[in-house]
Structure formats: structure tokens, C-alpha cells
Protein backbone atom coordinates (compact mmCIF):
# COMPACT_ATOMS: atom_id res chain seq x y z
CA UNK A 1 68.08 119.85 71.69
CA UNK A 2 64.85 121.37 70.47
CA UNK A 3 61.80 119.27 69.63
CA UNK A 4 58.74 120.21 67.63
CA UNK A 5 55.81 117.94 68.56
CA UNK A 6 52.85 118.11 66.22
CA UNK A 7 49.67 117.43 68.16
CA UNK A 8 51.40 118.29 71.44
CA UNK A 9 48.09 118.61 73.28
CA UNK A 10 46.96 115.10 72.35
CA UNK A 11 47.21 111.89 74.37
CA UNK A 12 50.70 110.87 73.28
CA UNK A 13 51.93 114.37 72.48
CA UNK A 14 51.31 115.65 76.00
CA UNK A 15 53.11 112.68 77.54
CA UNK A 16 56.03 113.12 75.14
CA UNK A 17 56.31 116.81 76.00
CA UNK A 18 56.37 116.02 79.72
CA UNK A 19 58.97 113.30 79.17
CA UNK A 20 61.30 115.52 77.15
CA UNK A 21 61.03 118.42 79.59
CA UNK A 22 61.71 116.09 82.52
CA UNK A 23 64.80 114.77 80.72
CA UNK A 24 66.33 118.22 81.04
CA UNK A 25 68.19 118.29 77.74
CA UNK A 26 65.26 119.44 75.59
CA UNK A 27 63.21 122.52 74.92
CA UNK A 28 59.83 121.80 73.38
CA UNK A 29 57.67 123.51 70.78
CA UNK A 30 54.37 122.08 69.66
CA UNK A 31 51.40 122.56 67.38
CA UNK A 32 47.88 122.62 68.79
CA UNK A 33 44.62 122.22 66.91
CA UNK A 34 41.73 121.91 69.34
CA UNK A 35 41.56 121.72 73.17
CA UNK A 36 44.77 122.12 75.16
CA UNK A 37 43.58 120.66 78.49
CA UNK A 38 46.25 117.95 78.48
CA UNK A 39 49.12 120.45 78.54
CA UNK A 40 47.77 123.06 80.95
CA UNK A 41 50.27 122.00 83.61
CA UNK A 42 53.29 122.53 81.35
CA UNK A 43 51.98 125.29 79.08
CA UNK A 44 54.40 127.96 80.39
CA UNK A 45 57.33 125.71 79.42
CA UNK A 46 56.15 125.18 75.83
CA UNK A 47 56.48 127.20 72.63
CA UNK A 48 52.99 126.82 71.15
CA UNK A 49 51.84 127.22 67.55
CA UNK A 50 48.08 127.02 66.89
CA UNK A 51 48.14 125.36 63.48
CA UNK A 52 46.12 123.26 61.05
CA UNK A 53 48.76 121.14 59.32
CA UNK A 54 46.87 120.15 56.17
CA UNK A 55 48.06 123.43 54.57
CA UNK A 56 51.70 123.49 53.45
CA UNK A 57 52.28 127.25 54.01
CA UNK A 58 51.17 126.84 57.64
CA UNK A 59 53.60 123.97 58.17
CA UNK A 60 56.42 125.96 56.55
CA UNK A 61 55.69 128.93 58.83
CA UNK A 62 55.77 126.77 61.98
CA UNK A 63 58.92 124.95 60.95
CA UNK A 64 60.70 128.17 60.01
CA UNK A 65 59.82 129.80 63.33
CA UNK A 66 60.51 126.79 65.55
CA UNK A 67 63.74 125.58 63.86
CA UNK A 68 63.70 122.20 65.66
CA UNK A 69 66.44 119.60 65.82
CA UNK A 70 63.79 116.86 65.88
CA UNK A 71 60.21 116.83 64.60
CA UNK A 72 57.97 114.28 66.31
CA UNK A 73 54.96 114.07 64.00
CA UNK A 74 52.08 112.82 66.17
CA UNK A 75 49.12 114.82 64.88
CA UNK A 76 46.60 112.53 63.19
CA UNK A 77 43.05 111.26 63.08
CA UNK A 78 43.91 108.24 65.20
CA UNK A 79 40.70 106.28 65.85
CA UNK A 80 40.41 103.27 63.55
CA UNK A 81 36.67 103.01 64.17
CA UNK A 82 36.11 106.57 62.98
CA UNK A 83 37.96 105.80 59.74
CA UNK A 84 35.20 103.40 58.70
CA UNK A 85 32.71 106.28 58.86
CA UNK A 86 34.96 108.77 57.04
CA UNK A 87 37.62 106.89 55.07
CA UNK A 88 38.31 109.72 52.61
CA UNK A 89 38.65 112.30 55.37
CA UNK A 90 40.99 110.07 57.36
CA UNK A 91 43.22 109.47 54.33
CA UNK A 92 43.23 113.10 53.24
CA UNK A 93 44.03 114.45 56.70
CA UNK A 94 46.71 111.98 57.78
CA UNK A 95 48.50 111.72 54.45
CA UNK A 96 48.40 115.45 53.73
CA UNK A 97 49.82 116.37 57.13
CA UNK A 98 52.67 113.88 56.79
CA UNK A 99 53.47 114.99 53.24
CA UNK A 100 53.46 118.64 54.30
CA UNK A 101 55.87 118.04 57.19
CA UNK A 102 58.34 116.31 54.88
CA UNK A 103 57.94 118.76 51.99
CA UNK A 104 58.31 121.76 54.30
CA UNK A 105 61.67 120.42 55.48
CA UNK A 106 62.72 120.07 51.83
CA UNK A 107 61.46 123.52 50.82
CA UNK A 108 63.14 125.28 53.74
CA UNK A 109 66.30 123.18 53.46
CA UNK A 110 66.08 122.77 57.21
CA UNK A 111 68.33 120.10 58.70
CA UNK A 112 66.52 118.06 61.34
CA UNK A 113 65.50 114.52 62.21
CA UNK A 114 61.87 113.59 61.57
CA UNK A 115 60.19 110.89 63.64
CA UNK A 116 57.40 109.49 61.46
CA UNK A 117 54.84 107.82 63.71
CA UNK A 118 53.28 104.95 61.82
CA UNK A 119 51.27 102.18 63.54
CA UNK A 120 51.13 98.44 64.08
CA UNK A 121 47.79 98.66 62.27
CA UNK A 122 49.77 98.60 59.01
CA UNK A 123 50.45 94.88 59.54
CA UNK A 124 46.73 94.13 59.69
CA UNK A 125 45.70 90.56 58.91
CA UNK A 126 48.59 88.68 60.50
CA UNK A 127 48.22 84.90 60.80
CA UNK A 128 49.30 83.08 64.01
CA UNK A 129 52.35 81.57 62.30
CA UNK A 130 53.70 85.11 61.66
CA UNK A 131 53.84 86.05 65.37
CA UNK A 132 55.59 87.88 66.89
CA UNK A 133 55.42 90.66 64.31
CA UNK A 134 58.73 92.12 63.20
CA UNK A 135 59.40 95.02 60.84
CA UNK A 136 59.66 92.74 57.80
CA UNK A 137 56.07 91.49 58.19
CA UNK A 138 54.09 92.43 55.04
CA UNK A 139 51.45 95.17 55.14
CA UNK A 140 47.87 93.83 55.07
CA UNK A 141 45.83 96.77 56.44
CA UNK A 142 42.29 96.09 57.60
CA UNK A 143 40.81 99.59 57.90
CA UNK A 144 41.17 103.02 56.27
CA UNK A 145 43.14 104.38 59.23
CA UNK A 146 45.71 101.61 58.71
CA UNK A 147 45.94 102.51 55.02
CA UNK A 148 46.63 106.14 55.96
CA UNK A 149 49.44 104.93 58.24
CA UNK A 150 50.91 102.80 55.44
CA UNK A 151 51.01 105.96 53.34
CA UNK A 152 52.66 107.99 56.12
CA UNK A 153 55.19 105.22 56.72
CA UNK A 154 56.10 104.98 53.04
CA UNK A 155 56.29 108.76 52.65
CA UNK A 156 58.87 108.76 55.42
CA UNK A 157 60.89 106.15 53.56
CA UNK A 158 60.40 107.83 50.17
CA UNK A 159 61.63 111.23 51.37
CA UNK A 160 64.64 109.56 52.95
CA UNK A 161 65.50 107.80 49.69
CA UNK A 162 64.63 110.59 47.26
CA UNK A 163 65.57 113.70 49.28
CA UNK A 164 68.00 112.20 51.81
CA UNK A 165 65.89 113.47 54.69
CA UNK A 166 66.85 112.16 58.12
CA UNK A 167 63.69 110.20 58.83
CA UNK A 168 63.16 107.47 61.43
CA UNK A 169 59.88 105.58 61.37
CA UNK A 170 58.27 103.99 64.44
CA UNK A 171 55.38 101.54 64.47
CA UNK A 172 53.77 101.58 67.92
CA UNK A 173 51.47 98.78 68.98
CA UNK A 174 48.50 99.41 71.31
CA UNK A 175 49.46 101.95 73.95
CA UNK A 176 47.42 103.02 76.96
CA UNK A 177 47.44 105.53 79.78
CA UNK A 178 45.79 108.59 81.23
CA UNK A 179 44.31 111.11 78.74
CA UNK A 180 43.62 108.59 75.96
CA UNK A 181 40.40 109.57 74.21
CA UNK A 182 37.30 107.44 73.87
CA UNK A 183 37.23 105.01 70.95
CA UNK A 184 39.92 102.76 72.43
CA UNK A 185 39.25 99.75 74.63
CA UNK A 186 40.86 100.90 77.90
CA UNK A 187 39.28 104.38 78.12
CA UNK A 188 35.97 103.01 76.86
CA UNK A 189 35.84 100.48 79.71
CA UNK A 190 37.23 102.87 82.33
CA UNK A 191 34.91 105.76 81.45
CA UNK A 192 31.86 103.49 81.66
CA UNK A 193 32.95 102.17 85.06
CA UNK A 194 33.60 105.69 86.36
CA UNK A 195 30.15 106.84 85.24
CA UNK A 196 28.52 103.78 86.83
CA UNK A 197 30.37 104.39 90.11
CA UNK A 198 29.17 108.01 90.05
CA UNK A 199 25.56 106.88 89.57
CA UNK A 200 25.35 108.41 86.10
CA UNK A 201 24.66 105.13 84.29
CA UNK A 202 22.99 101.83 85.07
CA UNK A 203 25.46 99.15 86.32
CA UNK A 204 25.89 97.56 82.89
CA UNK A 205 29.18 97.54 80.98
CA UNK A 206 28.72 97.17 77.23
CA UNK A 207 31.58 95.44 75.46
CA UNK A 208 32.76 94.26 72.05
CA UNK A 209 35.02 91.31 71.21
CA UNK A 210 36.64 90.09 74.44
CA UNK A 211 38.53 87.19 72.87
CA UNK A 212 41.00 89.24 70.84
CA UNK A 213 44.53 89.45 72.24
CA UNK A 214 46.55 92.63 71.92
CA UNK A 215 50.04 93.89 72.76
CA UNK A 216 49.64 96.79 75.23
CA UNK A 217 52.39 99.22 76.25
CA UNK A 218 52.15 102.11 78.69
CA UNK A 219 52.28 105.48 76.92
CA UNK A 220 55.14 106.56 79.19
CA UNK A 221 57.21 103.67 77.85
CA UNK A 222 56.18 104.53 74.29
CA UNK A 223 57.31 108.15 74.48
CA UNK A 224 60.60 107.03 76.02
CA UNK A 225 61.04 104.82 72.95
CA UNK A 226 60.38 107.82 70.68
CA UNK A 227 63.07 109.88 72.45
CA UNK A 228 65.60 107.04 72.19
CA UNK A 229 64.75 106.50 68.51
CA UNK A 230 65.32 110.22 67.92
CA UNK A 231 68.71 110.10 69.63
CA UNK A 232 70.03 106.73 68.47
CA UNK A 233 67.85 105.41 65.63
CA UNK A 234 69.39 104.74 62.24
CA UNK A 235 68.36 107.20 59.56
CA UNK A 236 65.86 105.63 57.15
CA UNK A 237 65.16 102.72 59.49
CA UNK A 238 61.84 101.60 61.04
CA UNK A 239 61.30 100.31 64.57
CA UNK A 240 58.43 98.45 66.22
CA UNK A 241 57.41 99.69 69.69
CA UNK A 242 55.55 97.20 71.86
CA UNK A 243 55.71 95.02 74.93
CA UNK A 244 56.41 91.66 73.29
CA UNK A 245 53.43 89.88 74.86
CA UNK A 246 49.69 89.78 74.33
CA UNK A 247 46.72 90.05 76.70
CA UNK A 248 43.11 89.14 76.02
CA UNK A 249 40.64 92.01 76.10
CA UNK A 250 38.86 89.83 78.67
CA UNK A 251 41.91 90.28 80.95
CA UNK A 252 41.70 94.06 80.57
CA UNK A 253 38.00 93.93 81.45
CA UNK A 254 38.54 91.62 84.43
CA UNK A 255 41.29 93.89 85.77
CA UNK A 256 39.00 96.91 85.60
CA UNK A 257 36.08 95.05 87.17
CA UNK A 258 38.31 93.95 90.05
CA UNK A 259 39.08 97.64 90.70
CA UNK A 260 35.44 98.75 90.47
CA UNK A 261 33.78 100.08 93.61
CA UNK A 262 30.34 98.72 92.66
CA UNK A 263 29.01 95.46 91.13
CA UNK A 264 28.72 95.67 87.34
CA UNK A 265 26.97 93.44 84.81
CA UNK A 266 28.62 92.85 81.41
CA UNK A 267 26.60 92.79 78.18
CA UNK A 268 27.76 92.44 74.54
CA UNK A 269 27.28 95.43 72.23
CA UNK A 270 27.44 94.66 68.49
CA UNK A 271 28.19 98.31 67.69
CA UNK A 272 31.55 97.98 69.47
CA UNK A 273 32.77 95.18 67.19
CA UNK A 274 34.96 96.19 64.24
CA UNK A 275 33.95 95.09 60.74
CA UNK A 276 37.20 93.10 60.62
CA UNK A 277 39.44 91.92 63.41
CA UNK A 278 42.33 89.54 64.04
CA UNK A 279 42.69 87.11 66.95
CA UNK A 280 46.13 88.05 68.30
CA UNK A 281 48.87 90.66 67.96
CA UNK A 282 52.37 90.39 69.48
CA UNK A 283 55.21 92.83 68.85
CA UNK A 284 58.81 91.90 68.19
CA UNK A 285 60.74 94.96 69.40
CA UNK A 286 64.21 93.39 69.18
CA UNK A 287 65.43 95.86 66.53
CA UNK A 288 64.65 98.86 68.74
CA UNK A 289 66.18 97.12 71.77
CA UNK A 290 69.38 96.31 69.88
CA UNK A 291 69.72 99.91 68.66
CA UNK A 292 68.73 101.84 71.79
CA UNK A 293 68.51 99.42 74.72
CA UNK A 294 64.80 100.23 75.10
CA UNK A 295 62.42 97.78 76.71
CA UNK A 296 59.07 98.29 78.43
CA UNK A 297 59.10 98.88 82.20
CA UNK A 298 55.52 99.54 83.32
CA UNK A 299 53.24 96.52 83.93
CA UNK A 300 49.78 96.43 82.37
CA UNK A 301 47.89 96.35 85.67
CA UNK A 302 49.52 99.63 86.74
CA UNK A 303 48.67 101.23 83.39
CA UNK A 304 45.03 100.18 83.73
CA UNK A 305 44.86 101.56 87.27
CA UNK A 306 46.15 104.89 85.92
CA UNK A 307 43.47 104.90 83.22
CA UNK A 308 40.64 104.24 85.69
CA UNK A 309 41.97 106.86 88.14
CA UNK A 310 42.05 109.41 85.32
CA UNK A 311 38.46 108.76 84.29
CA UNK A 312 37.21 108.89 87.88
CA UNK A 313 38.61 112.41 88.10
CA UNK A 314 37.22 113.38 84.68
CA UNK A 315 33.72 112.17 85.55
CA UNK A 316 33.74 113.96 88.91
CA UNK A 317 34.66 117.34 87.39
């Protein structure tokens, strides 16, 4: 099997590439736009295409050269907070890239499976009586990034219905692990702690809303779900990917503080609070489990330890 991973050098893309290569049954191509630090260790095993995917001819060139059996489309502007500052740019980039991937497959008449990576953010304003969230939960997006993911999700469905493309959509909930960029709660906490331990900042951790509860899954479990969805998912179907339980952000913070090597004071930071938020998110992943047997394996505390260890190394470099 040959995979094409868009955004292979990103947080999730690099983990997916490692996972597929370790499986032994895959060869991996990938597109890169920006730094490739995350894939330096596996670079000789990859077929790399430097590419900016907002241009259809570029996407057609990559697809025609790579000829993949499966396209995992991961490239995106993925920070919800950034989307408030540049809503038009977020929509244009994410929607154009997704549309180009699908249209390129149509134009080239290339037969492959396309994994459309949506997001749990599409569900948005979910009330407590709607938990846990299954795939039939209505879309009520709360930020421009979520709207861009609704569009990607629906493009995947539309091209399946109108062009009979073999698309499978996945809606991952919060996922964490080494290499995740700043702008997400776990790396934001861990990077601050690492800098404090190194004496680069005062011993004060600045935080946003600690009362919100989120469904966290280790990125290694998430990429395993993507592989299983590619192999066994039903064409045209959509699958939630999450742990099935929620943790308060306070728990994430307390876990990090317990691992800290120095005393740290916690202070609220209004700039870290989203303009809109919801109290709790819990994933119902029963559809994916029934289809593939997937379930999460890695406990949250181990994932958080991995994140902090990663940032300690980053800060020391």
C-alpha cells in the first residue's frame, strides 16, 4: 500500500508517517510546506514533495507523481485561536486545499481512498443532554476554524455522492503528544513549565479556562485510527475518533505541576480564553469501534509526560 500524507512534517502527519512505516505494509509519500524538523529521523524513508496545496495544478502534479492508494489529507491551518484573527485566510486555505485534493482525483481519474480529516470542532455548541457526541449530532460551529472543517467534511461527502469518490471522513477530538505546536492547551502548559525549569521565565504559569472538560486522545492512538479507517472504513461514512471520557483542564494542569521540578504559581490570563467555549466534550466512538475494532490504549497521564519531556528537550536545544 502507498500513502500520500499531506502535511507529513506536521504534528499528526509525522506520527502517521512513523506509524505506517512501522506497520511494514506501507510506503509513504508526503507533502511539506515549511519546516521538516519532525520528520528528520525518517526522511530517507519518505518520498517528499515540497508543495503549496492551495493551487490545483500543484496538487495534480503531486498526485500524478505519487499515485497513492490512500490520501491522508492532514495539511491545514489547525489552530482555532488563530482563526479568530484571520477568519477569511483560515477558510480560504483549508477549504481550497480540500477541494483541490478531491478535484485533482477527479481530473486525473485516479482511483484511491481519501481520508478527509474533519474535527470535533464541527459539533461546537453541544448541550450536556447531547453527550456523548455521536456522528449524528448537528453542526453548531463556534469559530471560523470549525466552519472551515464543516466545509471540508461536507466536500468529502459531496464528492462521494456526486463523483463516487472513495472518501472516508474522520472527526478527531482533542489529541495530544510530542511535537504539537503552541496554541493548544497541553503544549502551552508544558512549554511554559520547561522554560520556568530552565530559568528562562519567572515561576508563574499563565492559564485560561480551567473548568472546561475535554476528550483527550494520544496522537499515536489517533493515527492508528486513521490507518484502520483507511483499511476498513465504509466508503462515504464518517467516524468520530476520541477516548470516550472527559478531563477538566484543571486535571491537565495539576498533572503537569506534579511533574514539575520547581514550584510554580498559577495566574489567570484573559488572553488565553476563547471568545466562546463550551463546558464539556465527550466523544462517542462506537461507530469506529464497531467497524474497525479501534479503541484508545494510551492513558492521559502518559501522554502528558511525553509532552513535557518533548518540551524540556526543545527548550534545552
